[in-house]
Amino acid sequence: FELLIKKCFFSQDYKGQKLAEQIFQGIILVSAVIGFIYGYITEQFGWTVYIVMAGFALSCVLTLPPWPMYRRNPLKWLPVQESGTEEKKVADRKPKRHSKS
């Protein structure tokens, strides 16, 4: 149950992280340009700040939760090896012979 919760609510793959970063930067950039233009036209710096803050809030809602679009390419992990195989490998090694000097 705990693994299911972690997988569904707390994981993004690497391509999903890249997509989230691109979306975040795009929204911030667009909102900054729109805010600057609107603030310049209305001659009110406050509107620029409000529009940029709204863009930041929107980008946080779209990129911080691990939406399914950010989990499309999961990593394929190697299978777990049994602990007995490591012990066999150590036992199969030939002991080193030291040369007599």
PDB file of N, CA and C in Angstrom:
ATOM      1  N   PHE A   1       0.817  -1.193   0.000  1.00  0.00           N
ATOM      2  CA  PHE A   1       0.000   0.000   0.000  1.00  0.00           C
ATOM      3  C   PHE A   1       0.860   1.255   0.000  1.00  0.00           C
ATOM      4  N   GLU A   2       1.916   1.229   0.816  1.00  0.00           N
ATOM      5  CA  GLU A   2       2.809   2.387   0.890  1.00  0.00           C
ATOM      6  C   GLU A   2       3.521   2.609  -0.440  1.00  0.00           C
ATOM      7  N   LEU A   3       3.926   1.518  -1.089  1.00  0.00           N
ATOM      8  CA  LEU A   3       4.584   1.624  -2.385  1.00  0.00           C
ATOM      9  C   LEU A   3       3.646   2.211  -3.431  1.00  0.00           C
ATOM     10  N   LEU A   4       2.390   1.830  -3.395  1.00  0.00           N
ATOM     11  CA  LEU A   4       1.401   2.365  -4.319  1.00  0.00           C
ATOM     12  C   LEU A   4       1.235   3.867  -4.128  1.00  0.00           C
ATOM     13  N   ILE A   5       1.180   4.311  -2.892  1.00  0.00           N
ATOM     14  CA  ILE A   5       1.036   5.746  -2.617  1.00  0.00           C
ATOM     15  C   ILE A   5       2.263   6.503  -3.110  1.00  0.00           C
ATOM     16  N   LYS A   6       3.461   5.972  -2.836  1.00  0.00           N
ATOM     17  CA  LYS A   6       4.676   6.639  -3.289  1.00  0.00           C
ATOM     18  C   LYS A   6       4.736   6.700  -4.808  1.00  0.00           C
ATOM     19  N   LYS A   7       4.346   5.611  -5.455  1.00  0.00           N
ATOM     20  CA  LYS A   7       4.410   5.552  -6.911  1.00  0.00           C
ATOM     21  C   LYS A   7       3.411   6.522  -7.545  1.00  0.00           C
ATOM     22  N   CYS A   8       2.223   6.626  -6.980  1.00  0.00           N
ATOM     23  CA  CYS A   8       1.173   7.439  -7.582  1.00  0.00           C
ATOM     24  C   CYS A   8       1.273   8.922  -7.223  1.00  0.00           C
ATOM     25  N   PHE A   9       1.788   9.241  -6.050  1.00  0.00           N
ATOM     26  CA  PHE A   9       1.705  10.619  -5.592  1.00  0.00           C
ATOM     27  C   PHE A   9       3.046  11.333  -5.464  1.00  0.00           C
ATOM     28  N   PHE A  10       4.148  10.618  -5.474  1.00  0.00           N
ATOM     29  CA  PHE A  10       5.411  11.279  -5.205  1.00  0.00           C
ATOM     30  C   PHE A  10       6.476  11.048  -6.261  1.00  0.00           C
ATOM     31  N   SER A  11       6.133  10.510  -7.405  1.00  0.00           N
ATOM     32  CA  SER A  11       7.178  10.177  -8.361  1.00  0.00           C
ATOM     33  C   SER A  11       6.947  10.847  -9.708  1.00  0.00           C
ATOM     34  N   GLN A  12       8.049  11.319 -10.263  1.00  0.00           N
ATOM     35  CA  GLN A  12       8.076  11.795 -11.632  1.00  0.00           C
ATOM     36  C   GLN A  12       9.294  11.166 -12.275  1.00  0.00           C
ATOM     37  N   ASP A  13       9.192  10.847 -13.564  1.00  0.00           N
ATOM     38  CA  ASP A  13      10.364  10.324 -14.237  1.00  0.00           C
ATOM     39  C   ASP A  13      11.195  11.493 -14.765  1.00  0.00           C
ATOM     40  N   TYR A  14      12.352  11.177 -15.333  1.00  0.00           N
ATOM     41  CA  TYR A  14      13.260  12.235 -15.759  1.00  0.00           C
ATOM     42  C   TYR A  14      12.689  13.065 -16.909  1.00  0.00           C
ATOM     43  N   LYS A  15      12.024  12.429 -17.842  1.00  0.00           N
ATOM     44  CA  LYS A  15      11.410  13.178 -18.941  1.00  0.00           C
ATOM     45  C   LYS A  15      10.263  14.042 -18.418  1.00  0.00           C
ATOM     46  N   GLY A  16       9.540  13.538 -17.433  1.00  0.00           N
ATOM     47  CA  GLY A  16       8.478  14.320 -16.813  1.00  0.00           C
ATOM     48  C   GLY A  16       9.016  15.527 -16.075  1.00  0.00           C
ATOM     49  N   GLN A  17      10.164  15.373 -15.422  1.00  0.00           N
ATOM     50  CA  GLN A  17      10.786  16.508 -14.742  1.00  0.00           C
ATOM     51  C   GLN A  17      11.211  17.568 -15.749  1.00  0.00           C
ATOM     52  N   LYS A  18      11.736  17.129 -16.876  1.00  0.00           N
ATOM     53  CA  LYS A  18      12.143  18.077 -17.926  1.00  0.00           C
ATOM     54  C   LYS A  18      10.929  18.817 -18.474  1.00  0.00           C
ATOM     55  N   LEU A  19       9.844  18.083 -18.716  1.00  0.00           N
ATOM     56  CA  LEU A  19       8.616  18.709 -19.204  1.00  0.00           C
ATOM     57  C   LEU A  19       8.068  19.701 -18.192  1.00  0.00           C
ATOM     58  N   ALA A  20       8.067  19.336 -16.922  1.00  0.00           N
ATOM     59  CA  ALA A  20       7.572  20.235 -15.879  1.00  0.00           C
ATOM     60  C   ALA A  20       8.411  21.507 -15.826  1.00  0.00           C
ATOM     61  N   GLU A  21       9.716  21.382 -15.945  1.00  0.00           N
ATOM     62  CA  GLU A  21      10.596  22.549 -15.930  1.00  0.00           C
ATOM     63  C   GLU A  21      10.328  23.453 -17.124  1.00  0.00           C
ATOM     64  N   GLN A  22      10.127  22.864 -18.308  1.00  0.00           N
ATOM     65  CA  GLN A  22       9.837  23.660 -19.502  1.00  0.00           C
ATOM     66  C   GLN A  22       8.504  24.390 -19.372  1.00  0.00           C
ATOM     67  N   ILE A  23       7.496  23.711 -18.849  1.00  0.00           N
ATOM     68  CA  ILE A  23       6.191  24.339 -18.657  1.00  0.00           C
ATOM     69  C   ILE A  23       6.306  25.483 -17.642  1.00  0.00           C
ATOM     70  N   PHE A  24       7.000  25.237 -16.540  1.00  0.00           N
ATOM     71  CA  PHE A  24       7.183  26.240 -15.497  1.00  0.00           C
ATOM     72  C   PHE A  24       7.862  27.489 -16.069  1.00  0.00           C
ATOM     73  N   GLN A  25       8.973  27.307 -16.775  1.00  0.00           N
ATOM     74  CA  GLN A  25       9.690  28.448 -17.333  1.00  0.00           C
ATOM     75  C   GLN A  25       8.874  29.171 -18.391  1.00  0.00           C
ATOM     76  N   GLY A  26       8.138  28.421 -19.204  1.00  0.00           N
ATOM     77  CA  GLY A  26       7.309  29.043 -20.237  1.00  0.00           C
ATOM     78  C   GLY A  26       6.210  29.910 -19.650  1.00  0.00           C
ATOM     79  N   ILE A  27       5.526  29.403 -18.635  1.00  0.00           N
ATOM     80  CA  ILE A  27       4.444  30.172 -18.016  1.00  0.00           C
ATOM     81  C   ILE A  27       4.992  31.418 -17.332  1.00  0.00           C
ATOM     82  N   ILE A  28       6.116  31.283 -16.636  1.00  0.00           N
ATOM     83  CA  ILE A  28       6.725  32.439 -15.973  1.00  0.00           C
ATOM     84  C   ILE A  28       7.131  33.486 -17.002  1.00  0.00           C
ATOM     85  N   LEU A  29       7.739  33.054 -18.089  1.00  0.00           N
ATOM     86  CA  LEU A  29       8.171  33.989 -19.132  1.00  0.00           C
ATOM     87  C   LEU A  29       6.982  34.704 -19.770  1.00  0.00           C
ATOM     88  N   VAL A  30       5.958  33.952 -20.141  1.00  0.00           N
ATOM     89  CA  VAL A  30       4.785  34.551 -20.786  1.00  0.00           C
ATOM     90  C   VAL A  30       4.072  35.512 -19.831  1.00  0.00           C
ATOM     91  N   SER A  31       3.918  35.106 -18.571  1.00  0.00           N
ATOM     92  CA  SER A  31       3.237  35.991 -17.623  1.00  0.00           C
ATOM     93  C   SER A  31       4.070  37.249 -17.348  1.00  0.00           C
ATOM     94  N   ALA A  32       5.399  37.135 -17.350  1.00  0.00           N
ATOM     95  CA  ALA A  32       6.245  38.313 -17.143  1.00  0.00           C
ATOM     96  C   ALA A  32       6.117  39.281 -18.308  1.00  0.00           C
ATOM     97  N   VAL A  33       6.109  38.763 -19.528  1.00  0.00           N
ATOM     98  CA  VAL A  33       5.964  39.635 -20.708  1.00  0.00           C
ATOM     99  C   VAL A  33       4.589  40.299 -20.715  1.00  0.00           C
ATOM    100  N   ILE A  34       3.538  39.513 -20.486  1.00  0.00           N
ATOM    101  CA  ILE A  34       2.183  40.069 -20.464  1.00  0.00           C
ATOM    102  C   ILE A  34       2.047  41.085 -19.331  1.00  0.00           C
ATOM    103  N   GLY A  35       2.576  40.740 -18.156  1.00  0.00           N
ATOM    104  CA  GLY A  35       2.502  41.655 -17.028  1.00  0.00           C
ATOM    105  C   GLY A  35       3.244  42.950 -17.290  1.00  0.00           C
ATOM    106  N   PHE A  36       4.425  42.860 -17.900  1.00  0.00           N
ATOM    107  CA  PHE A  36       5.181  44.073 -18.201  1.00  0.00           C
ATOM    108  C   PHE A  36       4.436  44.960 -19.202  1.00  0.00           C
ATOM    109  N   ILE A  37       3.913  44.332 -20.261  1.00  0.00           N
ATOM    110  CA  ILE A  37       3.196  45.118 -21.276  1.00  0.00           C
ATOM    111  C   ILE A  37       1.948  45.765 -20.675  1.00  0.00           C
ATOM    112  N   TYR A  38       1.162  44.981 -19.934  1.00  0.00           N
ATOM    113  CA  TYR A  38      -0.063  45.525 -19.335  1.00  0.00           C
ATOM    114  C   TYR A  38       0.281  46.605 -18.301  1.00  0.00           C
ATOM    115  N   GLY A  39       1.298  46.374 -17.496  1.00  0.00           N
ATOM    116  CA  GLY A  39       1.708  47.379 -16.518  1.00  0.00           C
ATOM    117  C   GLY A  39       2.223  48.641 -17.181  1.00  0.00           C
ATOM    118  N   TYR A  40       2.914  48.506 -18.300  1.00  0.00           N
ATOM    119  CA  TYR A  40       3.416  49.669 -19.025  1.00  0.00           C
ATOM    120  C   TYR A  40       2.268  50.476 -19.622  1.00  0.00           C
ATOM    121  N   ILE A  41       1.275  49.765 -20.194  1.00  0.00           N
ATOM    122  CA  ILE A  41       0.133  50.449 -20.805  1.00  0.00           C
ATOM    123  C   ILE A  41      -0.688  51.191 -19.745  1.00  0.00           C
ATOM    124  N   THR A  42      -0.950  50.526 -18.632  1.00  0.00           N
ATOM    125  CA  THR A  42      -1.771  51.143 -17.582  1.00  0.00           C
ATOM    126  C   THR A  42      -0.958  52.037 -16.643  1.00  0.00           C
ATOM    127  N   GLU A  43       0.369  52.019 -16.799  1.00  0.00           N
ATOM    128  CA  GLU A  43       1.286  52.791 -15.958  1.00  0.00           C
ATOM    129  C   GLU A  43       1.110  52.457 -14.476  1.00  0.00           C
ATOM    130  N   GLN A  44       0.903  51.167 -14.203  1.00  0.00           N
ATOM    131  CA  GLN A  44       0.755  50.687 -12.831  1.00  0.00           C
ATOM    132  C   GLN A  44       1.628  49.443 -12.660  1.00  0.00           C
ATOM    133  N   PHE A  45       2.678  49.594 -11.848  1.00  0.00           N
ATOM    134  CA  PHE A  45       3.594  48.478 -11.624  1.00  0.00           C
ATOM    135  C   PHE A  45       2.904  47.356 -10.860  1.00  0.00           C
ATOM    136  N   GLY A  46       1.914  47.676 -10.056  1.00  0.00           N
ATOM    137  CA  GLY A  46       1.202  46.668  -9.271  1.00  0.00           C
ATOM    138  C   GLY A  46       0.576  45.603 -10.141  1.00  0.00           C
ATOM    139  N   TRP A  47       0.035  45.985 -11.287  1.00  0.00           N
ATOM    140  CA  TRP A  47      -0.570  45.001 -12.188  1.00  0.00           C
ATOM    141  C   TRP A  47       0.481  44.039 -12.740  1.00  0.00           C
ATOM    142  N   THR A  48       1.670  44.552 -12.979  1.00  0.00           N
ATOM    143  CA  THR A  48       2.754  43.678 -13.441  1.00  0.00           C
ATOM    144  C   THR A  48       3.042  42.605 -12.393  1.00  0.00           C
ATOM    145  N   VAL A  49       3.132  43.034 -11.145  1.00  0.00           N
ATOM    146  CA  VAL A  49       3.415  42.094 -10.069  1.00  0.00           C
ATOM    147  C   VAL A  49       2.280  41.092  -9.917  1.00  0.00           C
ATOM    148  N   TYR A  50       1.042  41.541  -9.966  1.00  0.00           N
ATOM    149  CA  TYR A  50      -0.104  40.634  -9.826  1.00  0.00           C
ATOM    150  C   TYR A  50      -0.142  39.597 -10.941  1.00  0.00           C
ATOM    151  N   ILE A  51       0.130  40.010 -12.168  1.00  0.00           N
ATOM    152  CA  ILE A  51       0.089  39.080 -13.301  1.00  0.00           C
ATOM    153  C   ILE A  51       1.215  38.060 -13.207  1.00  0.00           C
ATOM    154  N   VAL A  52       2.412  38.501 -12.802  1.00  0.00           N
ATOM    155  CA  VAL A  52       3.523  37.566 -12.633  1.00  0.00           C
ATOM    156  C   VAL A  52       3.226  36.592 -11.489  1.00  0.00           C
ATOM    157  N   MET A  53       2.648  37.084 -10.401  1.00  0.00           N
ATOM    158  CA  MET A  53       2.293  36.199  -9.288  1.00  0.00           C
ATOM    159  C   MET A  53       1.219  35.195  -9.702  1.00  0.00           C
ATOM    160  N   ALA A  54       0.257  35.630 -10.514  1.00  0.00           N
ATOM    161  CA  ALA A  54      -0.765  34.707 -11.005  1.00  0.00           C
ATOM    162  C   ALA A  54      -0.136  33.644 -11.912  1.00  0.00           C
ATOM    163  N   GLY A  55       0.819  34.034 -12.741  1.00  0.00           N
ATOM    164  CA  GLY A  55       1.532  33.070 -13.580  1.00  0.00           C
ATOM    165  C   GLY A  55       2.328  32.086 -12.747  1.00  0.00           C
ATOM    166  N   PHE A  56       2.941  32.575 -11.677  1.00  0.00           N
ATOM    167  CA  PHE A  56       3.688  31.696 -10.777  1.00  0.00           C
ATOM    168  C   PHE A  56       2.748  30.688 -10.116  1.00  0.00           C
ATOM    169  N   ALA A  57       1.598  31.162  -9.640  1.00  0.00           N
ATOM    170  CA  ALA A  57       0.633  30.269  -8.990  1.00  0.00           C
ATOM    171  C   ALA A  57       0.122  29.215  -9.980  1.00  0.00           C
ATOM    172  N   LEU A  58      -0.185  29.635 -11.197  1.00  0.00           N
ATOM    173  CA  LEU A  58      -0.646  28.700 -12.222  1.00  0.00           C
ATOM    174  C   LEU A  58       0.422  27.662 -12.543  1.00  0.00           C
ATOM    175  N   SER A  59       1.663  28.117 -12.666  1.00  0.00           N
ATOM    176  CA  SER A  59       2.730  27.167 -12.979  1.00  0.00           C
ATOM    177  C   SER A  59       2.967  26.193 -11.825  1.00  0.00           C
ATOM    178  N   CYS A  60       2.799  26.647 -10.593  1.00  0.00           N
ATOM    179  CA  CYS A  60       2.939  25.741  -9.448  1.00  0.00           C
ATOM    180  C   CYS A  60       1.845  24.673  -9.459  1.00  0.00           C
ATOM    181  N   VAL A  61       0.622  25.067  -9.766  1.00  0.00           N
ATOM    182  CA  VAL A  61      -0.484  24.103  -9.808  1.00  0.00           C
ATOM    183  C   VAL A  61      -0.263  23.081 -10.923  1.00  0.00           C
ATOM    184  N   LEU A  62       0.314  23.524 -12.037  1.00  0.00           N
ATOM    185  CA  LEU A  62       0.498  22.622 -13.175  1.00  0.00           C
ATOM    186  C   LEU A  62       1.737  21.747 -13.073  1.00  0.00           C
ATOM    187  N   THR A  63       2.752  22.184 -12.326  1.00  0.00           N
ATOM    188  CA  THR A  63       4.018  21.446 -12.359  1.00  0.00           C
ATOM    189  C   THR A  63       4.424  20.778 -11.054  1.00  0.00           C
ATOM    190  N   LEU A  64       3.968  21.240  -9.910  1.00  0.00           N
ATOM    191  CA  LEU A  64       4.409  20.637  -8.653  1.00  0.00           C
ATOM    192  C   LEU A  64       3.780  19.272  -8.363  1.00  0.00           C
ATOM    193  N   PRO A  65       2.486  19.091  -8.522  1.00  0.00           N
ATOM    194  CA  PRO A  65       1.944  17.730  -8.298  1.00  0.00           C
ATOM    195  C   PRO A  65       2.416  16.786  -9.412  1.00  0.00           C
ATOM    196  N   PRO A  66       2.638  15.528  -9.085  1.00  0.00           N
ATOM    197  CA  PRO A  66       3.074  14.584 -10.124  1.00  0.00           C
ATOM    198  C   PRO A  66       1.895  14.095 -10.974  1.00  0.00           C
ATOM    199  N   TRP A  67       1.432  14.932 -11.860  1.00  0.00           N
ATOM    200  CA  TRP A  67       0.324  14.568 -12.737  1.00  0.00           C
ATOM    201  C   TRP A  67       0.723  13.375 -13.599  1.00  0.00           C
ATOM    202  N   PRO A  68      -0.249  12.616 -14.112  1.00  0.00           N
ATOM    203  CA  PRO A  68       0.080  11.435 -14.940  1.00  0.00           C
ATOM    204  C   PRO A  68       0.937  11.763 -16.162  1.00  0.00           C
ATOM    205  N   MET A  69       0.844  12.965 -16.691  1.00  0.00           N
ATOM    206  CA  MET A  69       1.659  13.298 -17.864  1.00  0.00           C
ATOM    207  C   MET A  69       3.143  13.373 -17.529  1.00  0.00           C
ATOM    208  N   TYR A  70       3.491  13.463 -16.245  1.00  0.00           N
ATOM    209  CA  TYR A  70       4.887  13.483 -15.828  1.00  0.00           C
ATOM    210  C   TYR A  70       5.395  12.103 -15.438  1.00  0.00           C
ATOM    211  N   ARG A  71       4.544  11.086 -15.544  1.00  0.00           N
ATOM    212  CA  ARG A  71       4.933   9.720 -15.145  1.00  0.00           C
ATOM    213  C   ARG A  71       4.780   8.731 -16.288  1.00  0.00           C
ATOM    214  N   ARG A  72       4.972   9.164 -17.514  1.00  0.00           N
ATOM    215  CA  ARG A  72       4.769   8.290 -18.673  1.00  0.00           C
ATOM    216  C   ARG A  72       5.961   7.401 -18.986  1.00  0.00           C
ATOM    217  N   ASN A  73       7.145   7.757 -18.528  1.00  0.00           N
ATOM    218  CA  ASN A  73       8.365   7.021 -18.864  1.00  0.00           C
ATOM    219  C   ASN A  73       9.084   6.569 -17.597  1.00  0.00           C
ATOM    220  N   PRO A  74       8.548   5.568 -16.913  1.00  0.00           N
ATOM    221  CA  PRO A  74       9.186   5.139 -15.664  1.00  0.00           C
ATOM    222  C   PRO A  74      10.532   4.462 -15.926  1.00  0.00           C
ATOM    223  N   LEU A  75      11.392   4.520 -14.926  1.00  0.00           N
ATOM    224  CA  LEU A  75      12.686   3.856 -15.029  1.00  0.00           C
ATOM    225  C   LEU A  75      12.507   2.350 -14.896  1.00  0.00           C
ATOM    226  N   LYS A  76      13.303   1.612 -15.654  1.00  0.00           N
ATOM    227  CA  LYS A  76      13.281   0.159 -15.538  1.00  0.00           C
ATOM    228  C   LYS A  76      14.472  -0.241 -14.672  1.00  0.00           C
ATOM    229  N   TRP A  77      14.182  -0.710 -13.480  1.00  0.00           N
ATOM    230  CA  TRP A  77      15.223  -1.078 -12.533  1.00  0.00           C
ATOM    231  C   TRP A  77      15.650  -2.520 -12.772  1.00  0.00           C
ATOM    232  N   LEU A  78      16.878  -2.820 -12.402  1.00  0.00           N
ATOM    233  CA  LEU A  78      17.364  -4.190 -12.495  1.00  0.00           C
ATOM    234  C   LEU A  78      16.672  -5.039 -11.440  1.00  0.00           C
ATOM    235  N   PRO A  79      16.510  -6.333 -11.712  1.00  0.00           N
ATOM    236  CA  PRO A  79      15.873  -7.185 -10.706  1.00  0.00           C
ATOM    237  C   PRO A  79      16.771  -7.332  -9.477  1.00  0.00           C
ATOM    238  N   VAL A  80      16.155  -7.587  -8.350  1.00  0.00           N
ATOM    239  CA  VAL A  80      16.880  -7.757  -7.097  1.00  0.00           C
ATOM    240  C   VAL A  80      17.590  -9.093  -7.115  1.00  0.00           C
ATOM    241  N   GLN A  81      18.859  -9.082  -6.734  1.00  0.00           N
ATOM    242  CA  GLN A  81      19.613 -10.326  -6.667  1.00  0.00           C
ATOM    243  C   GLN A  81      19.518 -10.895  -5.262  1.00  0.00           C
ATOM    244  N   GLU A  82      19.563 -12.213  -5.199  1.00  0.00           N
ATOM    245  CA  GLU A  82      19.518 -12.853  -3.895  1.00  0.00           C
ATOM    246  C   GLU A  82      20.852 -12.660  -3.192  1.00  0.00           C
ATOM    247  N   SER A  83      20.830 -12.591  -1.888  1.00  0.00           N
ATOM    248  CA  SER A  83      22.059 -12.357  -1.141  1.00  0.00           C
ATOM    249  C   SER A  83      23.009 -13.549  -1.204  1.00  0.00           C
ATOM    250  N   GLY A  84      22.524 -14.743  -1.470  1.00  0.00           N
ATOM    251  CA  GLY A  84      23.359 -15.933  -1.545  1.00  0.00           C
ATOM    252  C   GLY A  84      24.319 -15.899  -2.722  1.00  0.00           C
ATOM    253  N   THR A  85      23.966 -15.213  -3.798  1.00  0.00           N
ATOM    254  CA  THR A  85      24.837 -15.180  -4.972  1.00  0.00           C
ATOM    255  C   THR A  85      26.122 -14.428  -4.689  1.00  0.00           C
ATOM    256  N   GLU A  86      26.076 -13.412  -3.847  1.00  0.00           N
ATOM    257  CA  GLU A  86      27.294 -12.675  -3.509  1.00  0.00           C
ATOM    258  C   GLU A  86      28.244 -13.550  -2.701  1.00  0.00           C
ATOM    259  N   GLU A  87      27.695 -14.345  -1.796  1.00  0.00           N
ATOM    260  CA  GLU A  87      28.528 -15.216  -0.982  1.00  0.00           C
ATOM    261  C   GLU A  87      29.207 -16.272  -1.846  1.00  0.00           C
ATOM    262  N   LYS A  88      28.501 -16.783  -2.861  1.00  0.00           N
ATOM    263  CA  LYS A  88      29.082 -17.778  -3.755  1.00  0.00           C
ATOM    264  C   LYS A  88      30.224 -17.170  -4.553  1.00  0.00           C
ATOM    265  N   LYS A  89      30.063 -15.940  -4.999  1.00  0.00           N
ATOM    266  CA  LYS A  89      31.105 -15.291  -5.776  1.00  0.00           C
ATOM    267  C   LYS A  89      32.376 -15.146  -4.938  1.00  0.00           C
ATOM    268  N   VAL A  90      32.226 -14.778  -3.694  1.00  0.00           N
ATOM    269  CA  VAL A  90      33.385 -14.636  -2.816  1.00  0.00           C
ATOM    270  C   VAL A  90      34.030 -15.995  -2.588  1.00  0.00           C
ATOM    271  N   ALA A  91      33.240 -17.046  -2.409  1.00  0.00           N
ATOM    272  CA  ALA A  91      33.762 -18.389  -2.162  1.00  0.00           C
ATOM    273  C   ALA A  91      34.418 -18.972  -3.418  1.00  0.00           C
ATOM    274  N   ASP A  92      33.937 -18.600  -4.599  1.00  0.00           N
ATOM    275  CA  ASP A  92      34.483 -19.141  -5.843  1.00  0.00           C
ATOM    276  C   ASP A  92      35.835 -18.535  -6.208  1.00  0.00           C
ATOM    277  N   ARG A  93      36.177 -17.429  -5.621  1.00  0.00           N
ATOM    278  CA  ARG A  93      37.455 -16.795  -5.944  1.00  0.00           C
ATOM    279  C   ARG A  93      38.604 -17.667  -5.439  1.00  0.00           C
ATOM    280  N   LYS A  94      39.627 -17.726  -6.245  1.00  0.00           N
ATOM    281  CA  LYS A  94      40.809 -18.481  -5.839  1.00  0.00           C
ATOM    282  C   LYS A  94      41.624 -17.624  -4.881  1.00  0.00           C
ATOM    283  N   PRO A  95      42.140 -18.240  -3.845  1.00  0.00           N
ATOM    284  CA  PRO A  95      42.961 -17.446  -2.919  1.00  0.00           C
ATOM    285  C   PRO A  95      44.258 -17.021  -3.602  1.00  0.00           C
ATOM    286  N   LYS A  96      44.700 -15.824  -3.280  1.00  0.00           N
ATOM    287  CA  LYS A  96      45.936 -15.317  -3.867  1.00  0.00           C
ATOM    288  C   LYS A  96      47.119 -16.005  -3.201  1.00  0.00           C
ATOM    289  N   ARG A  97      48.075 -16.371  -4.000  1.00  0.00           N
ATOM    290  CA  ARG A  97      49.289 -16.969  -3.464  1.00  0.00           C
ATOM    291  C   ARG A  97      50.350 -15.887  -3.390  1.00  0.00           C
ATOM    292  N   HIS A  98      50.919 -15.778  -2.264  1.00  0.00           N
ATOM    293  CA  HIS A  98      51.962 -14.781  -2.084  1.00  0.00           C
ATOM    294  C   HIS A  98      53.292 -15.399  -2.449  1.00  0.00           C
ATOM    295  N   SER A  99      54.095 -14.667  -3.158  1.00  0.00           N
ATOM    296  CA  SER A  99      55.396 -15.184  -3.521  1.00  0.00           C
ATOM    297  C   SER A  99      56.343 -15.127  -2.334  1.00  0.00           C
ATOM    298  N   LYS A 100      57.196 -16.126  -2.233  1.00  0.00           N
ATOM    299  CA  LYS A 100      58.133 -16.168  -1.135  1.00  0.00           C
ATOM    300  C   LYS A 100      59.313 -15.265  -1.475  1.00  0.00           C
ATOM    301  N   SER A 101      59.674 -14.450  -0.559  1.00  0.00           N
ATOM    302  CA  SER A 101      60.808 -13.574  -0.827  1.00  0.00           C
ATOM    303  C   SER A 101      61.950 -13.789   0.118  1.00  0.00           C
TER     304      SER A 101
END
